Amino acid sequence: MIDLAVALALVLVIEGLLWAAFPDRMKDVAAQAATLPSSLLRRVGLVAMAVGVVIVWFVRGG
């Protein structure tokens, strides 16, 4: 459970860093994402999730 909390905290750190460093570009990206079909966003999210699981698996020695 601690690992999950740390992972969520790191997501917030990275996302916060992006918004702080590139606010105008992040607004453009968010606006562009809003125009994409939900099915595409879902597929991209699932691929990102799968890549993350594989990375964690390799890093944790699974």
N, C-alpha and C. Protein backbone atom coordinates (compact mmCIF):
# COMPACT_ATOMS: atom_id res chain seq x y z
N MET A 1 0.81 -1.19 0.00
CA MET A 1 0.00 0.00 0.00
C MET A 1 0.86 1.26 0.00
N ILE A 2 2.01 1.18 0.65
CA ILE A 2 2.92 2.33 0.68
C ILE A 2 3.44 2.60 -0.74
N ASP A 3 3.74 1.54 -1.49
CA ASP A 3 4.22 1.72 -2.86
C ASP A 3 3.18 2.44 -3.72
N LEU A 4 1.91 2.13 -3.53
CA LEU A 4 0.85 2.80 -4.28
C LEU A 4 0.80 4.28 -3.93
N ALA A 5 0.92 4.61 -2.67
CA ALA A 5 0.91 6.01 -2.25
C ALA A 5 2.11 6.76 -2.84
N VAL A 6 3.26 6.13 -2.84
CA VAL A 6 4.46 6.75 -3.42
C VAL A 6 4.28 6.94 -4.92
N ALA A 7 3.72 5.95 -5.60
CA ALA A 7 3.49 6.07 -7.04
C ALA A 7 2.54 7.21 -7.36
N LEU A 8 1.45 7.31 -6.61
CA LEU A 8 0.51 8.41 -6.83
C LEU A 8 1.15 9.77 -6.55
N ALA A 9 1.97 9.83 -5.51
CA ALA A 9 2.67 11.08 -5.20
C ALA A 9 3.62 11.47 -6.33
N LEU A 10 4.31 10.49 -6.91
CA LEU A 10 5.22 10.79 -8.02
C LEU A 10 4.46 11.27 -9.25
N VAL A 11 3.29 10.71 -9.50
CA VAL A 11 2.46 11.19 -10.61
C VAL A 11 2.12 12.66 -10.38
N LEU A 12 1.73 13.02 -9.17
CA LEU A 12 1.41 14.41 -8.88
C LEU A 12 2.62 15.32 -9.02
N VAL A 13 3.78 14.86 -8.60
CA VAL A 13 5.01 15.65 -8.73
C VAL A 13 5.32 15.90 -10.20
N ILE A 14 5.28 14.84 -11.01
CA ILE A 14 5.61 14.98 -12.42
C ILE A 14 4.59 15.86 -13.14
N GLU A 15 3.32 15.63 -12.88
CA GLU A 15 2.30 16.44 -13.54
C GLU A 15 2.37 17.90 -13.07
N GLY A 16 2.58 18.10 -11.81
CA GLY A 16 2.73 19.46 -11.30
C GLY A 16 3.94 20.17 -11.90
N LEU A 17 5.02 19.44 -12.08
CA LEU A 17 6.21 20.01 -12.69
C LEU A 17 5.93 20.44 -14.13
N LEU A 18 5.22 19.60 -14.87
CA LEU A 18 4.88 19.96 -16.25
C LEU A 18 4.01 21.21 -16.31
N TRP A 19 2.99 21.28 -15.44
CA TRP A 19 2.11 22.45 -15.44
C TRP A 19 2.86 23.70 -14.99
N ALA A 20 3.80 23.57 -14.07
CA ALA A 20 4.56 24.73 -13.60
C ALA A 20 5.58 25.19 -14.64
N ALA A 21 6.20 24.26 -15.34
CA ALA A 21 7.25 24.60 -16.29
C ALA A 21 6.70 25.05 -17.64
N PHE A 22 5.60 24.45 -18.07
CA PHE A 22 5.06 24.72 -19.41
C PHE A 22 3.55 24.95 -19.37
N PRO A 23 3.08 25.99 -18.68
CA PRO A 23 1.63 26.15 -18.53
C PRO A 23 0.90 26.37 -19.86
N ASP A 24 1.47 27.16 -20.74
CA ASP A 24 0.79 27.41 -22.02
C ASP A 24 0.73 26.16 -22.88
N ARG A 25 1.83 25.43 -22.93
CA ARG A 25 1.85 24.20 -23.73
C ARG A 25 0.90 23.16 -23.14
N MET A 26 0.82 23.07 -21.82
CA MET A 26 -0.08 22.11 -21.18
C MET A 26 -1.54 22.46 -21.46
N LYS A 27 -1.86 23.76 -21.53
CA LYS A 27 -3.23 24.15 -21.89
C LYS A 27 -3.54 23.74 -23.32
N ASP A 28 -2.55 23.90 -24.21
CA ASP A 28 -2.74 23.47 -25.60
C ASP A 28 -2.96 21.97 -25.70
N VAL A 29 -2.17 21.21 -24.95
CA VAL A 29 -2.30 19.75 -24.97
C VAL A 29 -3.66 19.33 -24.42
N ALA A 30 -4.09 19.96 -23.33
CA ALA A 30 -5.40 19.62 -22.75
C ALA A 30 -6.53 19.95 -23.72
N ALA A 31 -6.42 21.09 -24.41
CA ALA A 31 -7.46 21.47 -25.38
C ALA A 31 -7.48 20.50 -26.55
N GLN A 32 -6.30 20.09 -26.99
CA GLN A 32 -6.23 19.13 -28.09
C GLN A 32 -6.80 17.78 -27.66
N ALA A 33 -6.50 17.35 -26.45
CA ALA A 33 -7.02 16.07 -25.95
C ALA A 33 -8.54 16.09 -25.88
N ALA A 34 -9.11 17.24 -25.58
CA ALA A 34 -10.57 17.36 -25.47
C ALA A 34 -11.25 17.14 -26.82
N THR A 35 -10.52 17.33 -27.91
CA THR A 35 -11.12 17.16 -29.24
C THR A 35 -10.97 15.73 -29.77
N LEU A 36 -10.17 14.93 -29.11
CA LEU A 36 -9.94 13.55 -29.57
C LEU A 36 -11.11 12.66 -29.18
N PRO A 37 -11.37 11.63 -29.97
CA PRO A 37 -12.44 10.69 -29.61
C PRO A 37 -12.11 9.93 -28.32
N SER A 38 -13.14 9.64 -27.55
CA SER A 38 -12.95 8.92 -26.29
C SER A 38 -12.29 7.56 -26.50
N SER A 39 -12.62 6.90 -27.59
CA SER A 39 -12.04 5.58 -27.84
C SER A 39 -10.53 5.66 -28.01
N LEU A 40 -10.03 6.71 -28.66
CA LEU A 40 -8.59 6.88 -28.83
C LEU A 40 -7.93 7.16 -27.49
N LEU A 41 -8.54 8.04 -26.70
CA LEU A 41 -7.99 8.33 -25.37
C LEU A 41 -7.96 7.09 -24.50
N ARG A 42 -9.01 6.27 -24.61
CA ARG A 42 -9.07 5.03 -23.84
C ARG A 42 -7.93 4.09 -24.24
N ARG A 43 -7.71 3.94 -25.55
CA ARG A 43 -6.64 3.06 -26.04
C ARG A 43 -5.27 3.56 -25.60
N VAL A 44 -5.05 4.86 -25.70
CA VAL A 44 -3.77 5.43 -25.28
C VAL A 44 -3.57 5.21 -23.78
N GLY A 45 -4.62 5.41 -23.00
CA GLY A 45 -4.54 5.17 -21.56
C GLY A 45 -4.23 3.73 -21.22
N LEU A 46 -4.87 2.80 -21.93
CA LEU A 46 -4.61 1.38 -21.68
C LEU A 46 -3.18 0.99 -22.06
N VAL A 47 -2.68 1.54 -23.16
CA VAL A 47 -1.30 1.25 -23.56
C VAL A 47 -0.33 1.83 -22.54
N ALA A 48 -0.58 3.06 -22.09
CA ALA A 48 0.29 3.67 -21.08
C ALA A 48 0.27 2.86 -19.79
N MET A 49 -0.91 2.37 -19.41
CA MET A 49 -1.02 1.56 -18.21
C MET A 49 -0.23 0.26 -18.36
N ALA A 50 -0.35 -0.39 -19.51
CA ALA A 50 0.37 -1.64 -19.75
C ALA A 50 1.88 -1.43 -19.72
N VAL A 51 2.34 -0.35 -20.35
CA VAL A 51 3.77 -0.05 -20.34
C VAL A 51 4.24 0.19 -18.90
N GLY A 52 3.45 0.91 -18.13
CA GLY A 52 3.80 1.14 -16.73
C GLY A 52 3.89 -0.14 -15.92
N VAL A 53 2.96 -1.06 -16.14
CA VAL A 53 2.99 -2.35 -15.44
C VAL A 53 4.25 -3.11 -15.81
N VAL A 54 4.60 -3.12 -17.07
CA VAL A 54 5.80 -3.84 -17.52
C VAL A 54 7.05 -3.21 -16.89
N ILE A 55 7.12 -1.89 -16.87
CA ILE A 55 8.27 -1.22 -16.26
C ILE A 55 8.38 -1.57 -14.78
N VAL A 56 7.26 -1.50 -14.06
CA VAL A 56 7.28 -1.85 -12.64
C VAL A 56 7.70 -3.29 -12.45
N TRP A 57 7.20 -4.19 -13.31
CA TRP A 57 7.53 -5.59 -13.22
C TRP A 57 9.04 -5.80 -13.36
N PHE A 58 9.65 -5.15 -14.35
CA PHE A 58 11.09 -5.31 -14.55
C PHE A 58 11.89 -4.67 -13.43
N VAL A 59 11.48 -3.48 -12.99
CA VAL A 59 12.21 -2.78 -11.93
C VAL A 59 12.14 -3.53 -10.61
N ARG A 60 10.97 -4.08 -10.30
CA ARG A 60 10.78 -4.79 -9.03
C ARG A 60 11.31 -6.22 -9.08
N GLY A 61 11.81 -6.64 -10.23
CA GLY A 61 12.41 -7.96 -10.31
C GLY A 61 11.42 -9.09 -10.49
N GLY A 62 10.27 -8.80 -11.11
CA GLY A 62 9.23 -9.81 -11.28
C GLY A 62 9.55 -10.71 -12.39
